[in-house]
Protein backbone atom coordinates (compact mmCIF):
# COMPACT_ATOMS: atom_id res chain seq x y z
CA UNK A 1 0.00 0.00 0.00
CA UNK A 2 1.14 3.53 -0.72
CA UNK A 3 0.35 6.90 0.84
CA UNK A 4 0.29 10.16 -1.12
CA UNK A 5 -0.24 13.81 -0.21
CA UNK A 6 -1.23 17.06 -1.77
CA UNK A 7 -2.55 20.37 -0.42
CA UNK A 8 -5.05 22.89 -1.72
CA UNK A 9 -6.09 26.41 -0.83
CA UNK A 10 -9.81 25.67 -0.51
CA UNK A 11 -11.71 23.04 1.42
CA UNK A 12 -14.21 22.74 -1.44
CA UNK A 13 -11.46 21.89 -3.96
CA UNK A 14 -9.95 19.38 -1.53
CA UNK A 15 -13.31 17.70 -0.90
CA UNK A 16 -13.98 17.53 -4.64
CA UNK A 17 -10.67 15.84 -5.40
CA UNK A 18 -11.10 13.44 -2.47
CA UNK A 19 -14.58 12.46 -3.65
CA UNK A 20 -13.59 11.95 -7.29
CA UNK A 21 -10.54 9.84 -6.50
CA UNK A 22 -12.53 7.48 -4.28
CA UNK A 23 -15.50 7.37 -6.68
CA UNK A 24 -13.15 6.41 -9.53
CA UNK A 25 -11.51 3.70 -7.42
CA UNK A 26 -8.09 5.35 -7.49
CA UNK A 27 -7.82 5.68 -3.72
CA UNK A 28 -9.24 3.41 -1.05
CA UNK A 29 -9.51 6.31 1.38
CA UNK A 30 -8.70 10.02 1.42
CA UNK A 31 -8.35 11.98 4.63
CA UNK A 32 -8.74 15.76 4.75
CA UNK A 33 -6.73 17.74 7.33
CA UNK A 34 -6.92 21.40 7.92
CA UNK A 35 -6.63 24.10 7.90
CA UNK A 36 -2.85 23.84 8.00
CA UNK A 37 -0.33 26.63 7.60
CA UNK A 38 2.27 26.32 4.82
CA UNK A 39 5.43 28.41 4.50
CA UNK A 40 7.34 28.25 1.20
CA UNK A 41 9.00 30.27 -1.55
CA UNK A 42 7.05 30.94 -4.73
CA UNK A 43 8.55 32.95 -7.57
CA UNK A 44 11.20 34.37 -5.24
CA UNK A 45 8.76 35.50 -2.57
CA UNK A 46 8.27 34.03 0.90
CA UNK A 47 4.65 32.90 1.19
CA UNK A 48 2.51 31.77 4.11
CA UNK A 49 -0.90 30.38 3.28
CA UNK A 50 -3.71 28.42 4.83
CA UNK A 51 -4.25 25.12 3.07
CA UNK A 52 -6.13 21.82 3.29
CA UNK A 53 -4.08 18.62 3.10
CA UNK A 54 -5.29 15.43 1.44
CA UNK A 55 -3.78 12.08 2.44
CA UNK A 56 -4.54 9.28 -0.04
CA UNK A 57 -4.33 5.55 0.74
CA UNK A 58 -3.81 3.66 -2.51
CA UNK A 59 -2.56 0.47 -4.08
CA UNK A 60 0.64 0.75 -6.17
CA UNK A 61 -1.17 -0.10 -9.40
CA UNK A 62 -3.37 3.00 -8.91
CA UNK A 63 -0.49 5.45 -8.45
CA UNK A 64 -0.02 6.70 -12.02
CA UNK A 65 -3.74 7.19 -12.68
CA UNK A 66 -4.26 8.87 -9.29
CA UNK A 67 -1.36 11.26 -9.87
CA UNK A 68 -2.67 12.13 -13.35
CA UNK A 69 -6.18 12.84 -12.02
CA UNK A 70 -4.93 14.94 -9.11
CA UNK A 71 -2.73 17.00 -11.44
CA UNK A 72 -5.61 17.46 -13.89
CA UNK A 73 -8.03 18.64 -11.19
CA UNK A 74 -5.57 20.61 -9.03
CA UNK A 75 -5.76 24.41 -9.37
CA UNK A 76 -2.07 25.03 -8.51
CA UNK A 77 0.51 25.54 -11.24
CA UNK A 78 2.88 23.24 -9.33
CA UNK A 79 0.86 21.05 -6.97
CA UNK A 80 2.50 19.17 -4.15
CA UNK A 81 2.57 15.44 -4.94
CA UNK A 82 4.43 13.11 -2.61
CA UNK A 83 3.96 9.36 -2.69
CA UNK A 84 5.63 6.78 -0.45
CA UNK A 85 5.33 3.07 0.15
CA UNK A 86 3.95 2.12 3.56
CA UNK A 87 6.49 0.04 5.47
CA UNK A 88 3.80 -1.99 7.17
CA UNK A 89 0.05 -2.36 6.63
CA UNK A 90 -2.27 -4.59 8.61
CA UNK A 91 -3.61 -7.49 6.56
CA UNK A 92 -7.24 -6.57 7.33
CA UNK A 93 -6.75 -2.97 6.17
CA UNK A 94 -4.91 -4.06 3.03
CA UNK A 95 -7.64 -6.60 2.26
CA UNK A 96 -10.28 -3.89 2.69
CA UNK A 97 -8.33 -1.52 0.41
CA UNK A 98 -8.07 -4.19 -2.28
CA UNK A 99 -11.81 -4.84 -2.15
CA UNK A 100 -12.86 -1.18 -2.10
CA UNK A 101 -11.78 -0.35 -5.67
PDB file of N, CA and C in Angstrom:
ATOM      1  N   UNK A   1       0.843  -1.165   0.000  1.00  0.00           N
ATOM      2  CA  UNK A   1       0.000   0.000   0.000  1.00  0.00           C
ATOM      3  C   UNK A   1       0.892   1.233   0.000  1.00  0.00           C
ATOM      4  N   UNK A   2       0.415   2.266  -0.650  1.00  0.00           N
ATOM      5  CA  UNK A   2       1.141   3.526  -0.724  1.00  0.00           C
ATOM      6  C   UNK A   2       0.313   4.628  -0.075  1.00  0.00           C
ATOM      7  N   UNK A   3       0.986   5.708   0.281  1.00  0.00           N
ATOM      8  CA  UNK A   3       0.349   6.903   0.841  1.00  0.00           C
ATOM      9  C   UNK A   3       0.848   8.091   0.024  1.00  0.00           C
ATOM     10  N   UNK A   4      -0.071   8.979  -0.336  1.00  0.00           N
ATOM     11  CA  UNK A   4       0.293  10.162  -1.124  1.00  0.00           C
ATOM     12  C   UNK A   4      -0.363  11.394  -0.510  1.00  0.00           C
ATOM     13  N   UNK A   5       0.261  12.556  -0.748  1.00  0.00           N
ATOM     14  CA  UNK A   5      -0.245  13.809  -0.206  1.00  0.00           C
ATOM     15  C   UNK A   5      -0.261  14.907  -1.251  1.00  0.00           C
ATOM     16  N   UNK A   6      -1.220  15.789  -1.067  1.00  0.00           N
ATOM     17  CA  UNK A   6      -1.235  17.061  -1.768  1.00  0.00           C
ATOM     18  C   UNK A   6      -1.919  18.061  -0.846  1.00  0.00           C
ATOM     19  N   UNK A   7      -1.855  19.336  -1.193  1.00  0.00           N
ATOM     20  CA  UNK A   7      -2.553  20.367  -0.415  1.00  0.00           C
ATOM     21  C   UNK A   7      -3.181  21.365  -1.378  1.00  0.00           C
ATOM     22  N   UNK A   8      -4.278  21.956  -0.899  1.00  0.00           N
ATOM     23  CA  UNK A   8      -5.054  22.894  -1.720  1.00  0.00           C
ATOM     24  C   UNK A   8      -5.466  24.090  -0.886  1.00  0.00           C
ATOM     25  N   UNK A   9      -5.748  25.186  -1.558  1.00  0.00           N
ATOM     26  CA  UNK A   9      -6.090  26.413  -0.835  1.00  0.00           C
ATOM     27  C   UNK A   9      -7.546  26.471  -0.391  1.00  0.00           C
ATOM     28  N   UNK A  10      -8.408  25.620  -0.938  1.00  0.00           N
ATOM     29  CA  UNK A  10      -9.810  25.675  -0.506  1.00  0.00           C
ATOM     30  C   UNK A  10     -10.305  24.297  -0.093  1.00  0.00           C
ATOM     31  N   UNK A  11     -11.117  24.293   0.935  1.00  0.00           N
ATOM     32  CA  UNK A  11     -11.708  23.044   1.420  1.00  0.00           C
ATOM     33  C   UNK A  11     -12.591  22.412   0.346  1.00  0.00           C
ATOM     34  N   UNK A  12     -13.309  23.241  -0.399  1.00  0.00           N
ATOM     35  CA  UNK A  12     -14.207  22.738  -1.436  1.00  0.00           C
ATOM     36  C   UNK A  12     -13.430  21.993  -2.519  1.00  0.00           C
ATOM     37  N   UNK A  13     -12.297  22.567  -2.964  1.00  0.00           N
ATOM     38  CA  UNK A  13     -11.462  21.891  -3.961  1.00  0.00           C
ATOM     39  C   UNK A  13     -10.930  20.573  -3.408  1.00  0.00           C
ATOM     40  N   UNK A  14     -10.487  20.597  -2.147  1.00  0.00           N
ATOM     41  CA  UNK A  14      -9.949  19.384  -1.526  1.00  0.00           C
ATOM     42  C   UNK A  14     -11.022  18.305  -1.427  1.00  0.00           C
ATOM     43  N   UNK A  15     -12.220  18.677  -1.004  1.00  0.00           N
ATOM     44  CA  UNK A  15     -13.308  17.700  -0.898  1.00  0.00           C
ATOM     45  C   UNK A  15     -13.682  17.141  -2.268  1.00  0.00           C
ATOM     46  N   UNK A  16     -13.659  17.979  -3.288  1.00  0.00           N
ATOM     47  CA  UNK A  16     -13.985  17.533  -4.639  1.00  0.00           C
ATOM     48  C   UNK A  16     -12.983  16.513  -5.163  1.00  0.00           C
ATOM     49  N   UNK A  17     -11.694  16.783  -4.956  1.00  0.00           N
ATOM     50  CA  UNK A  17     -10.670  15.843  -5.402  1.00  0.00           C
ATOM     51  C   UNK A  17     -10.760  14.545  -4.606  1.00  0.00           C
ATOM     52  N   UNK A  18     -10.967  14.645  -3.307  1.00  0.00           N
ATOM     53  CA  UNK A  18     -11.102  13.441  -2.474  1.00  0.00           C
ATOM     54  C   UNK A  18     -12.258  12.582  -2.975  1.00  0.00           C
ATOM     55  N   UNK A  19     -13.380  13.195  -3.208  1.00  0.00           N
ATOM     56  CA  UNK A  19     -14.581  12.464  -3.655  1.00  0.00           C
ATOM     57  C   UNK A  19     -14.344  11.779  -5.002  1.00  0.00           C
ATOM     58  N   UNK A  20     -13.790  12.517  -5.949  1.00  0.00           N
ATOM     59  CA  UNK A  20     -13.587  11.951  -7.288  1.00  0.00           C
ATOM     60  C   UNK A  20     -12.593  10.797  -7.289  1.00  0.00           C
ATOM     61  N   UNK A  21     -11.530  10.905  -6.500  1.00  0.00           N
ATOM     62  CA  UNK A  21     -10.539   9.836  -6.503  1.00  0.00           C
ATOM     63  C   UNK A  21     -11.089   8.552  -5.899  1.00  0.00           C
ATOM     64  N   UNK A  22     -11.917   8.672  -4.870  1.00  0.00           N
ATOM     65  CA  UNK A  22     -12.531   7.481  -4.279  1.00  0.00           C
ATOM     66  C   UNK A  22     -13.620   6.935  -5.198  1.00  0.00           C
ATOM     67  N   UNK A  23     -14.445   7.819  -5.763  1.00  0.00           N
ATOM     68  CA  UNK A  23     -15.501   7.369  -6.684  1.00  0.00           C
ATOM     69  C   UNK A  23     -14.916   6.609  -7.871  1.00  0.00           C
ATOM     70  N   UNK A  24     -13.772   7.053  -8.368  1.00  0.00           N
ATOM     71  CA  UNK A  24     -13.149   6.410  -9.528  1.00  0.00           C
ATOM     72  C   UNK A  24     -12.294   5.202  -9.150  1.00  0.00           C
ATOM     73  N   UNK A  25     -12.251   4.863  -7.862  1.00  0.00           N
ATOM     74  CA  UNK A  25     -11.505   3.696  -7.423  1.00  0.00           C
ATOM     75  C   UNK A  25     -10.002   3.861  -7.445  1.00  0.00           C
ATOM     76  N   UNK A  26      -9.525   5.093  -7.446  1.00  0.00           N
ATOM     77  CA  UNK A  26      -8.085   5.347  -7.494  1.00  0.00           C
ATOM     78  C   UNK A  26      -7.460   5.448  -6.108  1.00  0.00           C
ATOM     79  N   UNK A  27      -8.278   5.661  -5.104  1.00  0.00           N
ATOM     80  CA  UNK A  27      -7.819   5.682  -3.717  1.00  0.00           C
ATOM     81  C   UNK A  27      -8.841   4.915  -2.886  1.00  0.00           C
ATOM     82  N   UNK A  28      -8.340   4.144  -1.937  1.00  0.00           N
ATOM     83  CA  UNK A  28      -9.241   3.409  -1.048  1.00  0.00           C
ATOM     84  C   UNK A  28      -9.854   4.355  -0.027  1.00  0.00           C
ATOM     85  N   UNK A  29      -9.081   5.363   0.364  1.00  0.00           N
ATOM     86  CA  UNK A  29      -9.507   6.315   1.385  1.00  0.00           C
ATOM     87  C   UNK A  29      -8.737   7.606   1.171  1.00  0.00           C
ATOM     88  N   UNK A  30      -9.382   8.721   1.446  1.00  0.00           N
ATOM     89  CA  UNK A  30      -8.698  10.015   1.419  1.00  0.00           C
ATOM     90  C   UNK A  30      -9.088  10.755   2.688  1.00  0.00           C
ATOM     91  N   UNK A  31      -8.090  11.203   3.425  1.00  0.00           N
ATOM     92  CA  UNK A  31      -8.348  11.982   4.633  1.00  0.00           C
ATOM     93  C   UNK A  31      -8.035  13.445   4.364  1.00  0.00           C
ATOM     94  N   UNK A  32      -8.874  14.309   4.910  1.00  0.00           N
ATOM     95  CA  UNK A  32      -8.740  15.758   4.750  1.00  0.00           C
ATOM     96  C   UNK A  32      -8.349  16.363   6.090  1.00  0.00           C
ATOM     97  N   UNK A  33      -7.208  17.048   6.127  1.00  0.00           N
ATOM     98  CA  UNK A  33      -6.734  17.742   7.328  1.00  0.00           C
ATOM     99  C   UNK A  33      -6.744  19.230   7.064  1.00  0.00           C
ATOM    100  N   UNK A  34      -7.064  19.965   8.086  1.00  0.00           N
ATOM    101  CA  UNK A  34      -6.919  21.401   7.925  1.00  0.00           C
ATOM    102  C   UNK A  34      -7.882  22.197   8.771  1.00  0.00           C
ATOM    103  N   UNK A  35      -7.673  23.460   8.704  1.00  0.00           N
ATOM    104  CA  UNK A  35      -6.631  24.101   7.904  1.00  0.00           C
ATOM    105  C   UNK A  35      -5.241  23.897   8.509  1.00  0.00           C
ATOM    106  N   UNK A  36      -4.261  23.884   7.624  1.00  0.00           N
ATOM    107  CA  UNK A  36      -2.855  23.839   8.004  1.00  0.00           C
ATOM    108  C   UNK A  36      -2.208  25.123   7.510  1.00  0.00           C
ATOM    109  N   UNK A  37      -1.059  25.428   8.011  1.00  0.00           N
ATOM    110  CA  UNK A  37      -0.329  26.630   7.598  1.00  0.00           C
ATOM    111  C   UNK A  37       0.927  26.199   6.853  1.00  0.00           C
ATOM    112  N   UNK A  38       1.093  26.649   5.625  1.00  0.00           N
ATOM    113  CA  UNK A  38       2.266  26.315   4.817  1.00  0.00           C
ATOM    114  C   UNK A  38       3.136  27.551   4.623  1.00  0.00           C
ATOM    115  N   UNK A  39       4.437  27.355   4.737  1.00  0.00           N
ATOM    116  CA  UNK A  39       5.430  28.409   4.499  1.00  0.00           C
ATOM    117  C   UNK A  39       6.370  27.905   3.422  1.00  0.00           C
ATOM    118  N   UNK A  40       6.550  28.700   2.349  1.00  0.00           N
ATOM    119  CA  UNK A  40       7.343  28.253   1.200  1.00  0.00           C
ATOM    120  C   UNK A  40       7.741  29.457   0.363  1.00  0.00           C
ATOM    121  N   UNK A  41       8.641  29.235  -0.586  1.00  0.00           N
ATOM    122  CA  UNK A  41       9.000  30.274  -1.552  1.00  0.00           C
ATOM    123  C   UNK A  41       8.271  30.001  -2.848  1.00  0.00           C
ATOM    124  N   UNK A  42       7.700  31.041  -3.432  1.00  0.00           N
ATOM    125  CA  UNK A  42       7.048  30.942  -4.733  1.00  0.00           C
ATOM    126  C   UNK A  42       7.447  32.159  -5.541  1.00  0.00           C
ATOM    127  N   UNK A  43       8.092  31.910  -6.672  1.00  0.00           N
ATOM    128  CA  UNK A  43       8.553  32.953  -7.571  1.00  0.00           C
ATOM    129  C   UNK A  43       9.376  34.006  -6.828  1.00  0.00           C
ATOM    130  N   UNK A  44      10.278  33.509  -5.957  1.00  0.00           N
ATOM    131  CA  UNK A  44      11.205  34.373  -5.242  1.00  0.00           C
ATOM    132  C   UNK A  44      10.650  35.035  -3.998  1.00  0.00           C
ATOM    133  N   UNK A  45       9.384  34.857  -3.718  1.00  0.00           N
ATOM    134  CA  UNK A  45       8.762  35.504  -2.565  1.00  0.00           C
ATOM    135  C   UNK A  45       8.446  34.482  -1.478  1.00  0.00           C
ATOM    136  N   UNK A  46       8.657  34.870  -0.224  1.00  0.00           N
ATOM    137  CA  UNK A  46       8.272  34.028   0.898  1.00  0.00           C
ATOM    138  C   UNK A  46       6.757  34.107   1.059  1.00  0.00           C
ATOM    139  N   UNK A  47       6.112  32.964   1.083  1.00  0.00           N
ATOM    140  CA  UNK A  47       4.651  32.898   1.186  1.00  0.00           C
ATOM    141  C   UNK A  47       4.249  32.132   2.433  1.00  0.00           C
ATOM    142  N   UNK A  48       3.140  32.519   3.025  1.00  0.00           N
ATOM    143  CA  UNK A  48       2.507  31.772   4.106  1.00  0.00           C
ATOM    144  C   UNK A  48       1.020  31.729   3.787  1.00  0.00           C
ATOM    145  N   UNK A  49       0.500  30.524   3.658  1.00  0.00           N
ATOM    146  CA  UNK A  49      -0.896  30.379   3.280  1.00  0.00           C
ATOM    147  C   UNK A  49      -1.577  29.310   4.117  1.00  0.00           C
ATOM    148  N   UNK A  50      -2.887  29.440   4.200  1.00  0.00           N
ATOM    149  CA  UNK A  50      -3.709  28.416   4.833  1.00  0.00           C
ATOM    150  C   UNK A  50      -4.118  27.425   3.755  1.00  0.00           C
ATOM    151  N   UNK A  51      -3.932  26.151   4.045  1.00  0.00           N
ATOM    152  CA  UNK A  51      -4.251  25.120   3.069  1.00  0.00           C
ATOM    153  C   UNK A  51      -4.977  23.952   3.735  1.00  0.00           C
ATOM    154  N   UNK A  52      -5.467  23.066   2.880  1.00  0.00           N
ATOM    155  CA  UNK A  52      -6.126  21.824   3.291  1.00  0.00           C
ATOM    156  C   UNK A  52      -5.313  20.683   2.699  1.00  0.00           C
ATOM    157  N   UNK A  53      -4.938  19.720   3.545  1.00  0.00           N
ATOM    158  CA  UNK A  53      -4.084  18.617   3.105  1.00  0.00           C
ATOM    159  C   UNK A  53      -4.919  17.363   2.873  1.00  0.00           C
ATOM    160  N   UNK A  54      -4.674  16.715   1.744  1.00  0.00           N
ATOM    161  CA  UNK A  54      -5.287  15.429   1.445  1.00  0.00           C
ATOM    162  C   UNK A  54      -4.240  14.342   1.614  1.00  0.00           C
ATOM    163  N   UNK A  55      -4.627  13.249   2.272  1.00  0.00           N
ATOM    164  CA  UNK A  55      -3.776  12.077   2.438  1.00  0.00           C
ATOM    165  C   UNK A  55      -4.512  10.899   1.799  1.00  0.00           C
ATOM    166  N   UNK A  56      -3.938  10.369   0.730  1.00  0.00           N
ATOM    167  CA  UNK A  56      -4.542   9.283  -0.038  1.00  0.00           C
ATOM    168  C   UNK A  56      -3.946   7.949   0.392  1.00  0.00           C
ATOM    169  N   UNK A  57      -4.788   6.935   0.558  1.00  0.00           N
ATOM    170  CA  UNK A  57      -4.332   5.551   0.743  1.00  0.00           C
ATOM    171  C   UNK A  57      -4.643   4.830  -0.564  1.00  0.00           C
ATOM    172  N   UNK A  58      -3.622   4.237  -1.190  1.00  0.00           N
ATOM    173  CA  UNK A  58      -3.811   3.658  -2.511  1.00  0.00           C
ATOM    174  C   UNK A  58      -2.970   2.411  -2.697  1.00  0.00           C
ATOM    175  N   UNK A  59      -3.342   1.632  -3.680  1.00  0.00           N
ATOM    176  CA  UNK A  59      -2.560   0.468  -4.081  1.00  0.00           C
ATOM    177  C   UNK A  59      -1.567   0.914  -5.156  1.00  0.00           C
ATOM    178  N   UNK A  60      -0.390   0.294  -5.227  1.00  0.00           N
ATOM    179  CA  UNK A  60       0.640   0.752  -6.171  1.00  0.00           C
ATOM    180  C   UNK A  60       0.158   0.823  -7.612  1.00  0.00           C
ATOM    181  N   UNK A  61      -0.702  -0.094  -8.018  1.00  0.00           N
ATOM    182  CA  UNK A  61      -1.170  -0.097  -9.405  1.00  0.00           C
ATOM    183  C   UNK A  61      -2.085   1.086  -9.721  1.00  0.00           C
ATOM    184  N   UNK A  62      -2.526   1.826  -8.706  1.00  0.00           N
ATOM    185  CA  UNK A  62      -3.374   3.004  -8.906  1.00  0.00           C
ATOM    186  C   UNK A  62      -2.572   4.306  -8.965  1.00  0.00           C
ATOM    187  N   UNK A  63      -1.285   4.235  -8.652  1.00  0.00           N
ATOM    188  CA  UNK A  63      -0.490   5.449  -8.452  1.00  0.00           C
ATOM    189  C   UNK A  63      -0.437   6.366  -9.669  1.00  0.00           C
ATOM    190  N   UNK A  64      -0.155   5.841 -10.826  1.00  0.00           N
ATOM    191  CA  UNK A  64      -0.018   6.696 -12.017  1.00  0.00           C
ATOM    192  C   UNK A  64      -1.333   7.362 -12.379  1.00  0.00           C
ATOM    193  N   UNK A  65      -2.428   6.619 -12.342  1.00  0.00           N
ATOM    194  CA  UNK A  65      -3.738   7.191 -12.678  1.00  0.00           C
ATOM    195  C   UNK A  65      -4.176   8.203 -11.631  1.00  0.00           C
ATOM    196  N   UNK A  66      -3.896   7.922 -10.354  1.00  0.00           N
ATOM    197  CA  UNK A  66      -4.256   8.868  -9.291  1.00  0.00           C
ATOM    198  C   UNK A  66      -3.472  10.164  -9.452  1.00  0.00           C
ATOM    199  N   UNK A  67      -2.181  10.059  -9.683  1.00  0.00           N
ATOM    200  CA  UNK A  67      -1.363  11.258  -9.873  1.00  0.00           C
ATOM    201  C   UNK A  67      -1.866  12.074 -11.062  1.00  0.00           C
ATOM    202  N   UNK A  68      -2.177  11.412 -12.162  1.00  0.00           N
ATOM    203  CA  UNK A  68      -2.670  12.127 -13.345  1.00  0.00           C
ATOM    204  C   UNK A  68      -3.973  12.849 -13.052  1.00  0.00           C
ATOM    205  N   UNK A  69      -4.894  12.202 -12.348  1.00  0.00           N
ATOM    206  CA  UNK A  69      -6.176  12.837 -12.025  1.00  0.00           C
ATOM    207  C   UNK A  69      -5.982  14.023 -11.083  1.00  0.00           C
ATOM    208  N   UNK A  70      -5.169  13.841 -10.055  1.00  0.00           N
ATOM    209  CA  UNK A  70      -4.927  14.943  -9.111  1.00  0.00           C
ATOM    210  C   UNK A  70      -4.315  16.130  -9.842  1.00  0.00           C
ATOM    211  N   UNK A  71      -3.338  15.895 -10.700  1.00  0.00           N
ATOM    212  CA  UNK A  71      -2.727  17.004 -11.441  1.00  0.00           C
ATOM    213  C   UNK A  71      -3.712  17.660 -12.405  1.00  0.00           C
ATOM    214  N   UNK A  72      -4.608  16.885 -12.978  1.00  0.00           N
ATOM    215  CA  UNK A  72      -5.608  17.462 -13.893  1.00  0.00           C
ATOM    216  C   UNK A  72      -6.616  18.338 -13.144  1.00  0.00           C
ATOM    217  N   UNK A  73      -7.011  17.921 -11.947  1.00  0.00           N
ATOM    218  CA  UNK A  73      -8.028  18.642 -11.187  1.00  0.00           C
ATOM    219  C   UNK A  73      -7.461  19.758 -10.307  1.00  0.00           C
ATOM    220  N   UNK A  74      -6.184  19.693 -10.001  1.00  0.00           N
ATOM    221  CA  UNK A  74      -5.574  20.611  -9.034  1.00  0.00           C
ATOM    222  C   UNK A  74      -5.440  22.012  -9.617  1.00  0.00           C
ATOM    223  N   UNK A  75      -5.833  23.032  -8.850  1.00  0.00           N
ATOM    224  CA  UNK A  75      -5.760  24.406  -9.371  1.00  0.00           C
ATOM    225  C   UNK A  75      -4.360  25.028  -9.335  1.00  0.00           C
ATOM    226  N   UNK A  76      -3.412  24.448  -8.616  1.00  0.00           N
ATOM    227  CA  UNK A  76      -2.072  25.035  -8.513  1.00  0.00           C
ATOM    228  C   UNK A  76      -1.270  24.775  -9.788  1.00  0.00           C
ATOM    229  N   UNK A  77      -0.407  25.708 -10.112  1.00  0.00           N
ATOM    230  CA  UNK A  77       0.507  25.538 -11.244  1.00  0.00           C
ATOM    231  C   UNK A  77       1.487  24.389 -10.985  1.00  0.00           C
ATOM    232  N   UNK A  78       1.966  24.302  -9.734  1.00  0.00           N
ATOM    233  CA  UNK A  78       2.885  23.236  -9.330  1.00  0.00           C
ATOM    234  C   UNK A  78       2.339  22.611  -8.046  1.00  0.00           C
ATOM    235  N   UNK A  79       1.430  21.654  -8.179  1.00  0.00           N
ATOM    236  CA  UNK A  79       0.860  21.054  -6.973  1.00  0.00           C
ATOM    237  C   UNK A  79       1.845  20.141  -6.255  1.00  0.00           C
ATOM    238  N   UNK A  80       1.752  20.135  -4.945  1.00  0.00           N
ATOM    239  CA  UNK A  80       2.504  19.166  -4.150  1.00  0.00           C
ATOM    240  C   UNK A  80       2.002  17.768  -4.520  1.00  0.00           C
ATOM    241  N   UNK A  81       2.930  16.844  -4.748  1.00  0.00           N
ATOM    242  CA  UNK A  81       2.573  15.435  -4.936  1.00  0.00           C
ATOM    243  C   UNK A  81       3.710  14.590  -4.389  1.00  0.00           C
ATOM    244  N   UNK A  82       3.461  13.976  -3.265  1.00  0.00           N
ATOM    245  CA  UNK A  82       4.427  13.108  -2.607  1.00  0.00           C
ATOM    246  C   UNK A  82       3.778  11.748  -2.449  1.00  0.00           C
ATOM    247  N   UNK A  83       4.506  10.708  -2.758  1.00  0.00           N
ATOM    248  CA  UNK A  83       3.957   9.359  -2.690  1.00  0.00           C
ATOM    249  C   UNK A  83       5.034   8.436  -2.130  1.00  0.00           C
ATOM    250  N   UNK A  84       4.680   7.689  -1.076  1.00  0.00           N
ATOM    251  CA  UNK A  84       5.630   6.776  -0.448  1.00  0.00           C
ATOM    252  C   UNK A  84       4.971   5.416  -0.224  1.00  0.00           C
ATOM    253  N   UNK A  85       5.814   4.413  -0.148  1.00  0.00           N
ATOM    254  CA  UNK A  85       5.334   3.074   0.151  1.00  0.00           C
ATOM    255  C   UNK A  85       5.231   2.918   1.661  1.00  0.00           C
ATOM    256  N   UNK A  86       4.115   2.382   2.134  1.00  0.00           N
ATOM    257  CA  UNK A  86       3.948   2.122   3.561  1.00  0.00           C
ATOM    258  C   UNK A  86       4.835   0.947   3.956  1.00  0.00           C
ATOM    259  N   UNK A  87       5.582   1.101   5.027  1.00  0.00           N
ATOM    260  CA  UNK A  87       6.494   0.042   5.466  1.00  0.00           C
ATOM    261  C   UNK A  87       5.739  -1.161   6.016  1.00  0.00           C
ATOM    262  N   UNK A  88       4.587  -0.902   6.603  1.00  0.00           N
ATOM    263  CA  UNK A  88       3.800  -1.992   7.174  1.00  0.00           C
ATOM    264  C   UNK A  88       2.324  -1.622   7.125  1.00  0.00           C
ATOM    265  N   UNK A  89       1.505  -2.569   6.711  1.00  0.00           N
ATOM    266  CA  UNK A  89       0.052  -2.361   6.630  1.00  0.00           C
ATOM    267  C   UNK A  89      -0.608  -3.607   7.191  1.00  0.00           C
ATOM    268  N   UNK A  90      -1.590  -3.418   8.064  1.00  0.00           N
ATOM    269  CA  UNK A  90      -2.274  -4.594   8.612  1.00  0.00           C
ATOM    270  C   UNK A  90      -2.974  -5.351   7.489  1.00  0.00           C
ATOM    271  N   UNK A  91      -3.012  -6.654   7.597  1.00  0.00           N
ATOM    272  CA  UNK A  91      -3.606  -7.490   6.556  1.00  0.00           C
ATOM    273  C   UNK A  91      -5.084  -7.173   6.357  1.00  0.00           C
ATOM    274  N   UNK A  92      -5.805  -6.894   7.449  1.00  0.00           N
ATOM    275  CA  UNK A  92      -7.235  -6.567   7.330  1.00  0.00           C
ATOM    276  C   UNK A  92      -7.442  -5.260   6.574  1.00  0.00           C
ATOM    277  N   UNK A  93      -6.621  -4.257   6.856  1.00  0.00           N
ATOM    278  CA  UNK A  93      -6.750  -2.975   6.166  1.00  0.00           C
ATOM    279  C   UNK A  93      -6.395  -3.126   4.688  1.00  0.00           C
ATOM    280  N   UNK A  94      -5.324  -3.846   4.408  1.00  0.00           N
ATOM    281  CA  UNK A  94      -4.914  -4.056   3.026  1.00  0.00           C
ATOM    282  C   UNK A  94      -5.981  -4.843   2.261  1.00  0.00           C
ATOM    283  N   UNK A  95      -6.561  -5.823   2.884  1.00  0.00           N
ATOM    284  CA  UNK A  95      -7.641  -6.601   2.257  1.00  0.00           C
ATOM    285  C   UNK A  95      -8.834  -5.701   1.961  1.00  0.00           C
ATOM    286  N   UNK A  96      -9.182  -4.838   2.908  1.00  0.00           N
ATOM    287  CA  UNK A  96     -10.283  -3.889   2.690  1.00  0.00           C
ATOM    288  C   UNK A  96      -9.953  -2.954   1.521  1.00  0.00           C
ATOM    289  N   UNK A  97      -8.729  -2.444   1.493  1.00  0.00           N
ATOM    290  CA  UNK A  97      -8.332  -1.522   0.415  1.00  0.00           C
ATOM    291  C   UNK A  97      -8.421  -2.208  -0.940  1.00  0.00           C
ATOM    292  N   UNK A  98      -8.005  -3.452  -1.019  1.00  0.00           N
ATOM    293  CA  UNK A  98      -8.073  -4.188  -2.279  1.00  0.00           C
ATOM    294  C   UNK A  98      -9.512  -4.402  -2.723  1.00  0.00           C
ATOM    295  N   UNK A  99     -10.417  -4.576  -1.788  1.00  0.00           N
ATOM    296  CA  UNK A  99     -11.810  -4.843  -2.147  1.00  0.00           C
ATOM    297  C   UNK A  99     -12.622  -3.581  -2.362  1.00  0.00           C
ATOM    298  N   UNK A 100     -12.080  -2.419  -2.015  1.00  0.00           N
ATOM    299  CA  UNK A 100     -12.857  -1.176  -2.100  1.00  0.00           C
ATOM    300  C   UNK A 100     -12.821  -0.539  -3.484  1.00  0.00           C
ATOM    301  N   UNK A 101     -11.919  -0.961  -4.350  1.00  0.00           N
ATOM    302  CA  UNK A 101     -11.775  -0.347  -5.674  1.00  0.00           C
ATOM    303  C   UNK A 101     -12.654  -0.978  -6.637  1.00  0.00           C
TER     304      UNK A 101
END
